[in-house]
PDB file of N, CA and C in Angstrom:
ATOM      1  N   MET A   1    -172.699  67.208 -95.196  1.00  0.00           N
ATOM      2  CA  MET A   1    -171.827  66.058 -95.038  1.00  0.00           C
ATOM      3  C   MET A   1    -170.505  66.501 -94.423  1.00  0.00           C
ATOM      4  N   SER A   2    -169.939  65.626 -93.624  1.00  0.00           N
ATOM      5  CA  SER A   2    -168.665  65.912 -92.977  1.00  0.00           C
ATOM      6  C   SER A   2    -167.579  66.134 -94.017  1.00  0.00           C
ATOM      7  N   THR A   3    -166.690  67.021 -93.708  1.00  0.00           N
ATOM      8  CA  THR A   3    -165.578  67.286 -94.609  1.00  0.00           C
ATOM      9  C   THR A   3    -164.275  66.855 -93.955  1.00  0.00           C
ATOM     10  N   SER A   4    -164.340  65.760 -93.170  1.00  0.00           N
ATOM     11  CA  SER A   4    -163.183  65.388 -92.363  1.00  0.00           C
ATOM     12  C   SER A   4    -162.107  64.625 -93.120  1.00  0.00           C
ATOM     13  N   GLY A   5    -162.252  64.430 -94.418  1.00  0.00           N
ATOM     14  CA  GLY A   5    -161.119  63.982 -95.189  1.00  0.00           C
ATOM     15  C   GLY A   5    -161.108  62.563 -95.701  1.00  0.00           C
ATOM     16  N   LEU A   6    -159.896  62.152 -96.018  1.00  0.00           N
ATOM     17  CA  LEU A   6    -159.649  60.895 -96.699  1.00  0.00           C
ATOM     18  C   LEU A   6    -160.133  59.684 -95.913  1.00  0.00           C
ATOM     19  N   GLN A   7    -159.891  59.658 -94.614  1.00  0.00           N
ATOM     20  CA  GLN A   7    -160.321  58.497 -93.817  1.00  0.00           C
ATOM     21  C   GLN A   7    -161.834  58.339 -93.844  1.00  0.00           C
ATOM     22  N   THR A   8    -162.548  59.439 -93.734  1.00  0.00           N
ATOM     23  CA  THR A   8    -164.008  59.374 -93.771  1.00  0.00           C
ATOM     24  C   THR A   8    -164.480  58.900 -95.139  1.00  0.00           C
ATOM     25  N   HIS A   9    -163.859  59.400 -96.188  1.00  0.00           N
ATOM     26  CA  HIS A   9    -164.198  58.951 -97.540  1.00  0.00           C
ATOM     27  C   HIS A   9    -163.908  57.449 -97.676  1.00  0.00           C
ATOM     28  N   ASP A  10    -162.762  57.025 -97.172  1.00  0.00           N
ATOM     29  CA  ASP A  10    -162.386  55.608 -97.226  1.00  0.00           C
ATOM     30  C   ASP A  10    -163.384  54.756 -96.436  1.00  0.00           C
ATOM     31  N   PHE A  11    -163.817  55.250 -95.277  1.00  0.00           N
ATOM     32  CA  PHE A  11    -164.823  54.549 -94.471  1.00  0.00           C
ATOM     33  C   PHE A  11    -166.095  54.324 -95.294  1.00  0.00           C
ATOM     34  N   LEU A  12    -166.584  55.387 -95.918  1.00  0.00           N
ATOM     35  CA  LEU A  12    -167.817  55.296 -96.705  1.00  0.00           C
ATOM     36  C   LEU A  12    -167.651  54.358 -97.902  1.00  0.00           C
ATOM     37  N   MET A  13    -166.499  54.410 -98.556  1.00  0.00           N
ATOM     38  CA  MET A  13    -166.256  53.534 -99.703  1.00  0.00           C
ATOM     39  C   MET A  13    -166.167  52.072 -99.257  1.00  0.00           C
ATOM     40  N   ARG A  14    -165.489  51.817 -98.132  1.00  0.00           N
ATOM     41  CA  ARG A  14    -165.400  50.449 -97.607  1.00  0.00           C
ATOM     42  C   ARG A  14    -166.787  49.919 -97.242  1.00  0.00           C
ATOM     43  N   LEU A  15    -167.589  50.771 -96.642  1.00  0.00           N
ATOM     44  CA  LEU A  15    -168.940  50.374 -96.256  1.00  0.00           C
ATOM     45  C   LEU A  15    -169.760  50.029 -97.491  1.00  0.00           C
ATOM     46  N   GLU A  16    -169.641  50.846 -98.517  1.00  0.00           N
ATOM     47  CA  GLU A  16    -170.373  50.593 -99.759  1.00  0.00           C
ATOM     48  C   GLU A  16    -169.907  49.292-100.417  1.00  0.00           C
ATOM     49  N   LYS A  17    -168.599  49.065-100.454  1.00  0.00           N
ATOM     50  CA  LYS A  17    -168.048  47.863-101.092  1.00  0.00           C
ATOM     51  C   LYS A  17    -168.384  46.603-100.310  1.00  0.00           C
ATOM     52  N   ALA A  18    -168.302  46.686 -98.980  1.00  0.00           N
ATOM     53  CA  ALA A  18    -168.548  45.507 -98.146  1.00  0.00           C
ATOM     54  C   ALA A  18    -170.013  45.101 -98.201  1.00  0.00           C
ATOM     55  N   GLY A  19    -170.869  46.124 -98.358  1.00  0.00           N
ATOM     56  CA  GLY A  19    -172.296  45.848 -98.460  1.00  0.00           C
ATOM     57  C   GLY A  19    -172.791  44.922 -97.370  1.00  0.00           C
ATOM     58  N   ASP A  20    -173.533  43.926 -97.779  1.00  0.00           N
ATOM     59  CA  ASP A  20    -174.140  43.008 -96.812  1.00  0.00           C
ATOM     60  C   ASP A  20    -173.231  41.854 -96.441  1.00  0.00           C
ATOM     61  N   SER A  21    -171.963  41.885 -96.868  1.00  0.00           N
ATOM     62  CA  SER A  21    -171.070  40.773 -96.542  1.00  0.00           C
ATOM     63  C   SER A  21    -170.473  40.893 -95.142  1.00  0.00           C
ATOM     64  N   LEU A  22    -170.649  42.046 -94.510  1.00  0.00           N
ATOM     65  CA  LEU A  22    -170.160  42.218 -93.142  1.00  0.00           C
ATOM     66  C   LEU A  22    -171.138  41.599 -92.158  1.00  0.00           C
ATOM     67  N   PRO A  23    -170.631  41.180 -90.995  1.00  0.00           N
ATOM     68  CA  PRO A  23    -171.535  40.682 -89.953  1.00  0.00           C
ATOM     69  C   PRO A  23    -172.534  41.776 -89.555  1.00  0.00           C
ATOM     70  N   PRO A  24    -173.749  41.379 -89.177  1.00  0.00           N
ATOM     71  CA  PRO A  24    -174.791  42.358 -88.843  1.00  0.00           C
ATOM     72  C   PRO A  24    -174.368  43.406 -87.817  1.00  0.00           C
ATOM     73  N   LEU A  25    -173.613  43.016 -86.791  1.00  0.00           N
ATOM     74  CA  LEU A  25    -173.203  43.990 -85.779  1.00  0.00           C
ATOM     75  C   LEU A  25    -172.344  45.089 -86.403  1.00  0.00           C
ATOM     76  N   LEU A  26    -171.386  44.731 -87.238  1.00  0.00           N
ATOM     77  CA  LEU A  26    -170.532  45.742 -87.855  1.00  0.00           C
ATOM     78  C   LEU A  26    -171.326  46.627 -88.802  1.00  0.00           C
ATOM     79  N   LEU A  27    -172.285  46.059 -89.500  1.00  0.00           N
ATOM     80  CA  LEU A  27    -173.144  46.871 -90.365  1.00  0.00           C
ATOM     81  C   LEU A  27    -173.950  47.870 -89.549  1.00  0.00           C
ATOM     82  N   GLU A  28    -174.445  47.414 -88.416  1.00  0.00           N
ATOM     83  CA  GLU A  28    -175.238  48.289 -87.547  1.00  0.00           C
ATOM     84  C   GLU A  28    -174.380  49.424 -86.981  1.00  0.00           C
ATOM     85  N   LEU A  29    -173.171  49.087 -86.514  1.00  0.00           N
ATOM     86  CA  LEU A  29    -172.269  50.104 -85.976  1.00  0.00           C
ATOM     87  C   LEU A  29    -171.862  51.094 -87.074  1.00  0.00           C
ATOM     88  N   ALA A  30    -171.573  50.567 -88.253  1.00  0.00           N
ATOM     89  CA  ALA A  30    -171.166  51.424 -89.365  1.00  0.00           C
ATOM     90  C   ALA A  30    -172.308  52.338 -89.809  1.00  0.00           C
ATOM     91  N   ALA A  31    -173.536  51.859 -89.727  1.00  0.00           N
ATOM     92  CA  ALA A  31    -174.682  52.688 -90.104  1.00  0.00           C
ATOM     93  C   ALA A  31    -174.807  53.890 -89.176  1.00  0.00           C
ATOM     94  N   VAL A  32    -174.545  53.688 -87.886  1.00  0.00           N
ATOM     95  CA  VAL A  32    -174.601  54.791 -86.918  1.00  0.00           C
ATOM     96  C   VAL A  32    -173.510  55.817 -87.237  1.00  0.00           C
ATOM     97  N   MET A  33    -172.315  55.311 -87.516  1.00  0.00           N
ATOM     98  CA  MET A  33    -171.200  56.200 -87.857  1.00  0.00           C
ATOM     99  C   MET A  33    -171.508  56.945 -89.157  1.00  0.00           C
ATOM    100  N   ARG A  34    -172.038  56.231 -90.148  1.00  0.00           N
ATOM    101  CA  ARG A  34    -172.355  56.848 -91.436  1.00  0.00           C
ATOM    102  C   ARG A  34    -173.368  57.978 -91.265  1.00  0.00           C
ATOM    103  N   GLU A  35    -174.377  57.740 -90.447  1.00  0.00           N
ATOM    104  CA  GLU A  35    -175.396  58.773 -90.221  1.00  0.00           C
ATOM    105  C   GLU A  35    -174.765  60.035 -89.655  1.00  0.00           C
ATOM    106  N   MET A  36    -173.851  59.869 -88.685  1.00  0.00           N
ATOM    107  CA  MET A  36    -173.207  61.042 -88.104  1.00  0.00           C
ATOM    108  C   MET A  36    -172.369  61.760 -89.162  1.00  0.00           C
ATOM    109  N   VAL A  37    -171.599  60.996 -89.933  1.00  0.00           N
ATOM    110  CA  VAL A  37    -170.745  61.588 -90.959  1.00  0.00           C
ATOM    111  C   VAL A  37    -171.565  62.356 -91.988  1.00  0.00           C
ATOM    112  N   GLU A  38    -172.710  61.816 -92.336  1.00  0.00           N
ATOM    113  CA  GLU A  38    -173.516  62.437 -93.394  1.00  0.00           C
ATOM    114  C   GLU A  38    -174.406  63.585 -92.910  1.00  0.00           C
ATOM    115  N   THR A  39    -174.654  63.670 -91.611  1.00  0.00           N
ATOM    116  CA  THR A  39    -175.562  64.704 -91.127  1.00  0.00           C
ATOM    117  C   THR A  39    -174.891  65.827 -90.346  1.00  0.00           C
ATOM    118  N   ILE A  40    -173.698  65.589 -89.831  1.00  0.00           N
ATOM    119  CA  ILE A  40    -173.035  66.616 -89.022  1.00  0.00           C
ATOM    120  C   ILE A  40    -171.734  67.026 -89.707  1.00  0.00           C
ATOM    121  N   ALA A  41    -171.702  68.230 -90.211  1.00  0.00           N
ATOM    122  CA  ALA A  41    -170.534  68.697 -90.957  1.00  0.00           C
ATOM    123  C   ALA A  41    -169.288  68.812 -90.082  1.00  0.00           C
ATOM    124  N   ARG A  42    -169.467  69.325 -88.902  1.00  0.00           N
ATOM    125  CA  ARG A  42    -168.324  69.511 -87.993  1.00  0.00           C
ATOM    126  C   ARG A  42    -168.702  68.992 -86.607  1.00  0.00           C
ATOM    127  N   PRO A  43    -168.511  67.689 -86.395  1.00  0.00           N
ATOM    128  CA  PRO A  43    -168.903  67.113 -85.098  1.00  0.00           C
ATOM    129  C   PRO A  43    -168.148  67.767 -83.944  1.00  0.00           C
ATOM    130  N   GLN A  44    -168.887  68.036 -82.893  1.00  0.00           N
ATOM    131  CA  GLN A  44    -168.312  68.589 -81.672  1.00  0.00           C
ATOM    132  C   GLN A  44    -168.108  67.450 -80.676  1.00  0.00           C
ATOM    133  N   LEU A  45    -167.450  67.741 -79.572  1.00  0.00           N
ATOM    134  CA  LEU A  45    -167.167  66.724 -78.556  1.00  0.00           C
ATOM    135  C   LEU A  45    -168.437  66.006 -78.123  1.00  0.00           C
ATOM    136  N   GLU A  46    -169.499  66.739 -77.914  1.00  0.00           N
ATOM    137  CA  GLU A  46    -170.760  66.129 -77.489  1.00  0.00           C
ATOM    138  C   GLU A  46    -171.284  65.135 -78.531  1.00  0.00           C
ATOM    139  N   ASP A  47    -171.132  65.467 -79.812  1.00  0.00           N
ATOM    140  CA  ASP A  47    -171.554  64.557 -80.881  1.00  0.00           C
ATOM    141  C   ASP A  47    -170.739  63.268 -80.848  1.00  0.00           C
ATOM    142  N   ILE A  48    -169.441  63.407 -80.645  1.00  0.00           N
ATOM    143  CA  ILE A  48    -168.548  62.245 -80.581  1.00  0.00           C
ATOM    144  C   ILE A  48    -168.896  61.387 -79.369  1.00  0.00           C
ATOM    145  N   GLN A  49    -169.159  62.024 -78.245  1.00  0.00           N
ATOM    146  CA  GLN A  49    -169.520  61.284 -77.034  1.00  0.00           C
ATOM    147  C   GLN A  49    -170.825  60.514 -77.227  1.00  0.00           C
ATOM    148  N   LYS A  50    -171.789  61.130 -77.891  1.00  0.00           N
ATOM    149  CA  LYS A  50    -173.052  60.443 -78.163  1.00  0.00           C
ATOM    150  C   LYS A  50    -172.828  59.257 -79.092  1.00  0.00           C
ATOM    151  N   LEU A  51    -171.976  59.444 -80.104  1.00  0.00           N
ATOM    152  CA  LEU A  51    -171.647  58.346 -81.014  1.00  0.00           C
ATOM    153  C   LEU A  51    -171.021  57.191 -80.243  1.00  0.00           C
ATOM    154  N   HIS A  52    -170.052  57.485 -79.394  1.00  0.00           N
ATOM    155  CA  HIS A  52    -169.399  56.443 -78.605  1.00  0.00           C
ATOM    156  C   HIS A  52    -170.405  55.711 -77.727  1.00  0.00           C
ATOM    157  N   ALA A  53    -171.274  56.457 -77.076  1.00  0.00           N
ATOM    158  CA  ALA A  53    -172.274  55.841 -76.204  1.00  0.00           C
ATOM    159  C   ALA A  53    -173.194  54.917 -76.996  1.00  0.00           C
ATOM    160  N   GLU A  54    -173.598  55.348 -78.185  1.00  0.00           N
ATOM    161  CA  GLU A  54    -174.488  54.524 -79.016  1.00  0.00           C
ATOM    162  C   GLU A  54    -173.769  53.274 -79.516  1.00  0.00           C
ATOM    163  N   LEU A  55    -172.522  53.404 -79.920  1.00  0.00           N
ATOM    164  CA  LEU A  55    -171.761  52.226 -80.360  1.00  0.00           C
ATOM    165  C   LEU A  55    -171.568  51.248 -79.211  1.00  0.00           C
ATOM    166  N   ARG A  56    -171.297  51.780 -78.030  1.00  0.00           N
ATOM    167  CA  ARG A  56    -171.127  50.929 -76.843  1.00  0.00           C
ATOM    168  C   ARG A  56    -172.434  50.209 -76.519  1.00  0.00           C
ATOM    169  N   ARG A  57    -173.544  50.928 -76.624  1.00  0.00           N
ATOM    170  CA  ARG A  57    -174.853  50.332 -76.346  1.00  0.00           C
ATOM    171  C   ARG A  57    -175.181  49.227 -77.347  1.00  0.00           C
ATOM    172  N   LEU A  58    -174.945  49.503 -78.617  1.00  0.00           N
ATOM    173  CA  LEU A  58    -175.251  48.522 -79.657  1.00  0.00           C
ATOM    174  C   LEU A  58    -174.372  47.278 -79.550  1.00  0.00           C
ATOM    175  N   THR A  59    -173.121  47.473 -79.179  1.00  0.00           N
ATOM    176  CA  THR A  59    -172.204  46.338 -79.070  1.00  0.00           C
ATOM    177  C   THR A  59    -172.561  45.482 -77.873  1.00  0.00           C
ATOM    178  N   GLY A  60    -172.914  46.119 -76.768  1.00  0.00           N
ATOM    179  CA  GLY A  60    -173.260  45.358 -75.571  1.00  0.00           C
ATOM    180  C   GLY A  60    -172.054  44.612 -75.042  1.00  0.00           C
ATOM    181  N   ASP A  61    -172.155  43.307 -74.976  1.00  0.00           N
ATOM    182  CA  ASP A  61    -171.090  42.456 -74.446  1.00  0.00           C
ATOM    183  C   ASP A  61    -169.897  42.475 -75.397  1.00  0.00           C
ATOM    184  N   PRO A  62    -168.689  42.769 -74.895  1.00  0.00           N
ATOM    185  CA  PRO A  62    -167.497  42.759 -75.753  1.00  0.00           C
ATOM    186  C   PRO A  62    -167.277  41.431 -76.484  1.00  0.00           C
ATOM    187  N   GLN A  63    -167.863  40.360 -75.960  1.00  0.00           N
ATOM    188  CA  GLN A  63    -167.706  39.056 -76.607  1.00  0.00           C
ATOM    189  C   GLN A  63    -168.261  39.075 -78.027  1.00  0.00           C
ATOM    190  N   ARG A  64    -169.236  39.936 -78.266  1.00  0.00           N
ATOM    191  CA  ARG A  64    -169.802  40.037 -79.631  1.00  0.00           C
ATOM    192  C   ARG A  64    -168.731  40.473 -80.630  1.00  0.00           C
ATOM    193  N   LEU A  65    -167.881  41.441 -80.222  1.00  0.00           N
ATOM    194  CA  LEU A  65    -166.793  41.861 -81.114  1.00  0.00           C
ATOM    195  C   LEU A  65    -165.718  40.789 -81.190  1.00  0.00           C
ATOM    196  N   ARG A  66    -165.425  40.132 -80.073  1.00  0.00           N
ATOM    197  CA  ARG A  66    -164.426  39.048 -80.102  1.00  0.00           C
ATOM    198  C   ARG A  66    -164.850  37.963 -81.077  1.00  0.00           C
ATOM    199  N   ASP A  67    -166.130  37.617 -81.061  1.00  0.00           N
ATOM    200  CA  ASP A  67    -166.635  36.562 -81.942  1.00  0.00           C
ATOM    201  C   ASP A  67    -166.499  36.952 -83.416  1.00  0.00           C
ATOM    202  N   ILE A  68    -166.636  38.236 -83.714  1.00  0.00           N
ATOM    203  CA  ILE A  68    -166.560  38.709 -85.095  1.00  0.00           C
ATOM    204  C   ILE A  68    -165.119  38.975 -85.519  1.00  0.00           C
ATOM    205  N   CYS A  69    -164.391  39.705 -84.695  1.00  0.00           N
ATOM    206  CA  CYS A  69    -163.071  40.188 -85.079  1.00  0.00           C
ATOM    207  C   CYS A  69    -161.935  39.246 -84.706  1.00  0.00           C
ATOM    208  N   GLY A  70    -162.186  38.314 -83.813  1.00  0.00           N
ATOM    209  CA  GLY A  70    -161.104  37.462 -83.359  1.00  0.00           C
ATOM    210  C   GLY A  70    -160.071  38.288 -82.612  1.00  0.00           C
ATOM    211  N   THR A  71    -158.864  37.770 -82.532  1.00  0.00           N
ATOM    212  CA  THR A  71    -157.815  38.484 -81.797  1.00  0.00           C
ATOM    213  C   THR A  71    -156.863  39.212 -82.729  1.00  0.00           C
ATOM    214  N   GLU A  72    -156.988  38.985 -84.024  1.00  0.00           N
ATOM    215  CA  GLU A  72    -156.088  39.641 -84.967  1.00  0.00           C
ATOM    216  C   GLU A  72    -156.851  40.349 -86.077  1.00  0.00           C
ATOM    217  N   GLY A  73    -157.982  40.912 -85.736  1.00  0.00           N
ATOM    218  CA  GLY A  73    -158.732  41.745 -86.668  1.00  0.00           C
ATOM    219  C   GLY A  73    -158.939  41.129 -88.040  1.00  0.00           C
ATOM    220  N   GLN A  74    -159.520  39.937 -88.067  1.00  0.00           N
ATOM    221  CA  GLN A  74    -159.675  39.232 -89.334  1.00  0.00           C
ATOM    222  C   GLN A  74    -160.467  40.017 -90.378  1.00  0.00           C
ATOM    223  N   LEU A  75    -161.253  41.010 -89.954  1.00  0.00           N
ATOM    224  CA  LEU A  75    -162.053  41.779 -90.911  1.00  0.00           C
ATOM    225  C   LEU A  75    -161.471  43.164 -91.211  1.00  0.00           C
ATOM    226  N   CYS A  76    -160.343  43.509 -90.619  1.00  0.00           N
ATOM    227  CA  CYS A  76    -159.837  44.881 -90.748  1.00  0.00           C
ATOM    228  C   CYS A  76    -159.649  45.326 -92.190  1.00  0.00           C
ATOM    229  N   THR A  77    -159.248  44.446 -93.064  1.00  0.00           N
ATOM    230  CA  THR A  77    -159.022  44.870 -94.445  1.00  0.00           C
ATOM    231  C   THR A  77    -160.332  45.170 -95.166  1.00  0.00           C
ATOM    232  N   ARG A  78    -161.434  44.573 -94.708  1.00  0.00           N
ATOM    233  CA  ARG A  78    -162.748  44.821 -95.321  1.00  0.00           C
ATOM    234  C   ARG A  78    -163.626  45.734 -94.477  1.00  0.00           C
ATOM    235  N   CYS A  79    -163.416  45.721 -93.177  1.00  0.00           N
ATOM    236  CA  CYS A  79    -164.284  46.461 -92.258  1.00  0.00           C
ATOM    237  C   CYS A  79    -164.167  47.963 -92.500  1.00  0.00           C
ATOM    238  N   PRO A  80    -165.289  48.666 -92.557  1.00  0.00           N
ATOM    239  CA  PRO A  80    -165.232  50.125 -92.756  1.00  0.00           C
ATOM    240  C   PRO A  80    -164.394  50.832 -91.709  1.00  0.00           C
ATOM    241  N   PHE A  81    -164.423  50.348 -90.468  1.00  0.00           N
ATOM    242  CA  PHE A  81    -163.671  51.005 -89.399  1.00  0.00           C
ATOM    243  C   PHE A  81    -162.168  50.845 -89.582  1.00  0.00           C
ATOM    244  N   GLY A  82    -161.753  49.898 -90.406  1.00  0.00           N
ATOM    245  CA  GLY A  82    -160.344  49.730 -90.724  1.00  0.00           C
ATOM    246  C   GLY A  82    -159.754  50.939 -91.431  1.00  0.00           C
ATOM    247  N   ALA A  83    -160.618  51.767 -91.998  1.00  0.00           N
ATOM    248  CA  ALA A  83    -160.154  52.987 -92.671  1.00  0.00           C
ATOM    249  C   ALA A  83    -159.443  53.917 -91.698  1.00  0.00           C
ATOM    250  N   TYR A  84    -159.739  53.795 -90.428  1.00  0.00           N
ATOM    251  CA  TYR A  84    -159.172  54.689 -89.428  1.00  0.00           C
ATOM    252  C   TYR A  84    -157.956  54.104 -88.717  1.00  0.00           C
ATOM    253  N   LEU A  85    -157.502  52.913 -89.121  1.00  0.00           N
ATOM    254  CA  LEU A  85    -156.319  52.329 -88.486  1.00  0.00           C
ATOM    255  C   LEU A  85    -155.092  53.153 -88.853  1.00  0.00           C
ATOM    256  N   PRO A  86    -154.238  53.420 -87.869  1.00  0.00           N
ATOM    257  CA  PRO A  86    -153.005  54.158 -88.174  1.00  0.00           C
ATOM    258  C   PRO A  86    -152.143  53.351 -89.144  1.00  0.00           C
ATOM    259  N   SER A  87    -151.392  54.035 -89.982  1.00  0.00           N
ATOM    260  CA  SER A  87    -150.532  53.314 -90.910  1.00  0.00           C
ATOM    261  C   SER A  87    -149.510  52.500 -90.121  1.00  0.00           C
ATOM    262  N   GLY A  88    -149.188  51.339 -90.638  1.00  0.00           N
ATOM    263  CA  GLY A  88    -148.242  50.465 -89.950  1.00  0.00           C
ATOM    264  C   GLY A  88    -148.900  49.457 -89.043  1.00  0.00           C
ATOM    265  N   PHE A  89    -150.203  49.596 -88.780  1.00  0.00           N
ATOM    266  CA  PHE A  89    -150.923  48.636 -87.957  1.00  0.00           C
ATOM    267  C   PHE A  89    -151.827  47.807 -88.860  1.00  0.00           C
ATOM    268  N   PRO A  90    -151.544  46.503 -88.968  1.00  0.00           N
ATOM    269  CA  PRO A  90    -152.315  45.666 -89.881  1.00  0.00           C
ATOM    270  C   PRO A  90    -153.724  45.348 -89.392  1.00  0.00           C
ATOM    271  N   TYR A  91    -153.949  45.438 -88.090  1.00  0.00           N
ATOM    272  CA  TYR A  91    -155.266  45.097 -87.559  1.00  0.00           C
ATOM    273  C   TYR A  91    -155.475  45.749 -86.199  1.00  0.00           C
ATOM    274  N   ALA A  92    -156.730  45.780 -85.792  1.00  0.00           N
ATOM    275  CA  ALA A  92    -157.095  46.252 -84.461  1.00  0.00           C
ATOM    276  C   ALA A  92    -157.718  45.085 -83.720  1.00  0.00           C
ATOM    277  N   SER A  93    -157.538  45.065 -82.427  1.00  0.00           N
ATOM    278  CA  SER A  93    -158.123  44.008 -81.608  1.00  0.00           C
ATOM    279  C   SER A  93    -158.358  44.574 -80.215  1.00  0.00           C
ATOM    280  N   GLU A  94    -158.848  43.725 -79.357  1.00  0.00           N
ATOM    281  CA  GLU A  94    -159.079  44.148 -77.976  1.00  0.00           C
ATOM    282  C   GLU A  94    -157.762  44.576 -77.314  1.00  0.00           C
ATOM    283  N   GLN A  95    -156.685  43.881 -77.648  1.00  0.00           N
ATOM    284  CA  GLN A  95    -155.372  44.225 -77.079  1.00  0.00           C
ATOM    285  C   GLN A  95    -154.749  45.426 -77.784  1.00  0.00           C
ATOM    286  N   GLN A  96    -155.181  45.711 -78.984  1.00  0.00           N
ATOM    287  CA  GLN A  96    -154.656  46.811 -79.783  1.00  0.00           C
ATOM    288  C   GLN A  96    -155.865  47.623 -80.257  1.00  0.00           C
ATOM    289  N   ALA A  97    -156.491  48.318 -79.324  1.00  0.00           N
ATOM    290  CA  ALA A  97    -157.751  49.016 -79.601  1.00  0.00           C
ATOM    291  C   ALA A  97    -157.497  50.261 -80.442  1.00  0.00           C
ATOM    292  N   LEU A  98    -157.531  50.073 -81.752  1.00  0.00           N
ATOM    293  CA  LEU A  98    -157.229  51.163 -82.677  1.00  0.00           C
ATOM    294  C   LEU A  98    -158.415  51.575 -83.528  1.00  0.00           C
ATOM    295  N   CYS A  99    -159.467  50.760 -83.567  1.00  0.00           N
ATOM    296  CA  CYS A  99    -160.645  51.114 -84.351  1.00  0.00           C
ATOM    297  C   CYS A  99    -161.764  51.499 -83.389  1.00  0.00           C
ATOM    298  N   LEU A 100    -162.695  52.279 -83.869  1.00  0.00           N
ATOM    299  CA  LEU A 100    -163.720  52.835 -82.998  1.00  0.00           C
ATOM    300  C   LEU A 100    -164.514  51.791 -82.215  1.00  0.00           C
ATOM    301  N   PRO A 101    -164.965  50.698 -82.830  1.00  0.00           N
ATOM    302  CA  PRO A 101    -165.698  49.712 -82.018  1.00  0.00           C
ATOM    303  C   PRO A 101    -164.878  49.185 -80.838  1.00  0.00           C
ATOM    304  N   TRP A 102    -163.595  48.898 -81.065  1.00  0.00           N
ATOM    305  CA  TRP A 102    -162.775  48.416 -79.953  1.00  0.00           C
ATOM    306  C   TRP A 102    -162.465  49.532 -78.971  1.00  0.00           C
ATOM    307  N   ILE A 103    -162.230  50.726 -79.440  1.00  0.00           N
ATOM    308  CA  ILE A 103    -161.912  51.840 -78.545  1.00  0.00           C
ATOM    309  C   ILE A 103    -163.045  52.086 -77.562  1.00  0.00           C
ATOM    310  N   VAL A 104    -164.295  52.107 -78.041  1.00  0.00           N
ATOM    311  CA  VAL A 104    -165.405  52.420 -77.141  1.00  0.00           C
ATOM    312  C   VAL A 104    -165.654  51.302 -76.130  1.00  0.00           C
ATOM    313  N   ILE A 105    -165.213  50.075 -76.446  1.00  0.00           N
ATOM    314  CA  ILE A 105    -165.371  48.961 -75.501  1.00  0.00           C
ATOM    315  C   ILE A 105    -164.209  48.903 -74.518  1.00  0.00           C
ATOM    316  N   VAL A 106    -162.990  49.016 -75.032  1.00  0.00           N
ATOM    317  CA  VAL A 106    -161.796  48.856 -74.196  1.00  0.00           C
ATOM    318  C   VAL A 106    -161.496  50.097 -73.365  1.00  0.00           C
ATOM    319  N   HIS A 107    -161.794  51.267 -73.903  1.00  0.00           N
ATOM    320  CA  HIS A 107    -161.522  52.523 -73.192  1.00  0.00           C
ATOM    321  C   HIS A 107    -162.811  53.321 -73.023  1.00  0.00           C
ATOM    322  N   PRO A 108    -163.761  52.783 -72.270  1.00  0.00           N
ATOM    323  CA  PRO A 108    -165.035  53.507 -72.141  1.00  0.00           C
ATOM    324  C   PRO A 108    -164.868  54.785 -71.320  1.00  0.00           C
ATOM    325  N   HIS A 109    -165.365  55.854 -71.878  1.00  0.00           N
ATOM    326  CA  HIS A 109    -165.399  57.128 -71.165  1.00  0.00           C
ATOM    327  C   HIS A 109    -166.859  57.521 -71.093  1.00  0.00           C
ATOM    328  N   PRO A 110    -167.465  57.405 -69.918  1.00  0.00           N
ATOM    329  CA  PRO A 110    -168.898  57.731 -69.820  1.00  0.00           C
ATOM    330  C   PRO A 110    -169.196  59.126 -70.349  1.00  0.00           C
ATOM    331  N   THR A 111    -170.296  59.202 -71.030  1.00  0.00           N
ATOM    332  CA  THR A 111    -170.733  60.482 -71.561  1.00  0.00           C
ATOM    333  C   THR A 111    -171.829  61.017 -70.652  1.00  0.00           C
ATOM    334  N   PRO A 112    -172.178  62.270 -70.796  1.00  0.00           N
ATOM    335  CA  PRO A 112    -173.265  62.814 -69.964  1.00  0.00           C
ATOM    336  C   PRO A 112    -174.511  61.938 -70.064  1.00  0.00           C
ATOM    337  N   GLY A 113    -175.042  61.587 -68.901  1.00  0.00           N
ATOM    338  CA  GLY A 113    -176.251  60.759 -68.884  1.00  0.00           C
ATOM    339  C   GLY A 113    -175.951  59.266 -68.857  1.00  0.00           C
ATOM    340  N   GLU A 114    -174.686  58.892 -69.032  1.00  0.00           N
ATOM    341  CA  GLU A 114    -174.302  57.496 -69.011  1.00  0.00           C
ATOM    342  C   GLU A 114    -173.579  57.224 -67.701  1.00  0.00           C
ATOM    343  N   THR A 115    -173.825  56.102 -67.092  1.00  0.00           N
ATOM    344  CA  THR A 115    -173.149  55.783 -65.845  1.00  0.00           C
ATOM    345  C   THR A 115    -172.009  54.828 -66.117  1.00  0.00           C
ATOM    346  N   SER A 116    -170.925  55.001 -65.366  1.00  0.00           N
ATOM    347  CA  SER A 116    -169.777  54.104 -65.534  1.00  0.00           C
ATOM    348  C   SER A 116    -169.997  52.834 -64.722  1.00  0.00           C
ATOM    349  N   PRO A 117    -169.449  51.702 -65.209  1.00  0.00           N
ATOM    350  CA  PRO A 117    -169.607  50.456 -64.477  1.00  0.00           C
ATOM    351  C   PRO A 117    -168.914  50.552 -63.129  1.00  0.00           C
ATOM    352  N   GLN A 118    -169.545  50.027 -62.116  1.00  0.00           N
ATOM    353  CA  GLN A 118    -168.980  50.077 -60.768  1.00  0.00           C
ATOM    354  C   GLN A 118    -168.172  48.840 -60.469  1.00  0.00           C
TER     355      GLN A 118
END
């Protein structure tokens, strides 16, 4: 299991507490993140890039996140990814891409084997 600290622990606890009350897309994205956290003790850049690519693939159209998160991160206090928000930021959104789902959509960095949109 990853030993990356308090934020990762908080992510796992939020995921456990939120259970099935989260929208299916967020549960699916969180499951991918959880698998990486639980199976890779020290993720390398390639692992992170693969995670980003998978989250981007699962999310597909950014409208899916807009429909769930709105413009002011209505789920940030419950969403597992909210564990990674910097202190002082009450929510993440497309305009304030601070959580992993928004980061991979708003700031896509193609990974090996992935093509960038033309």
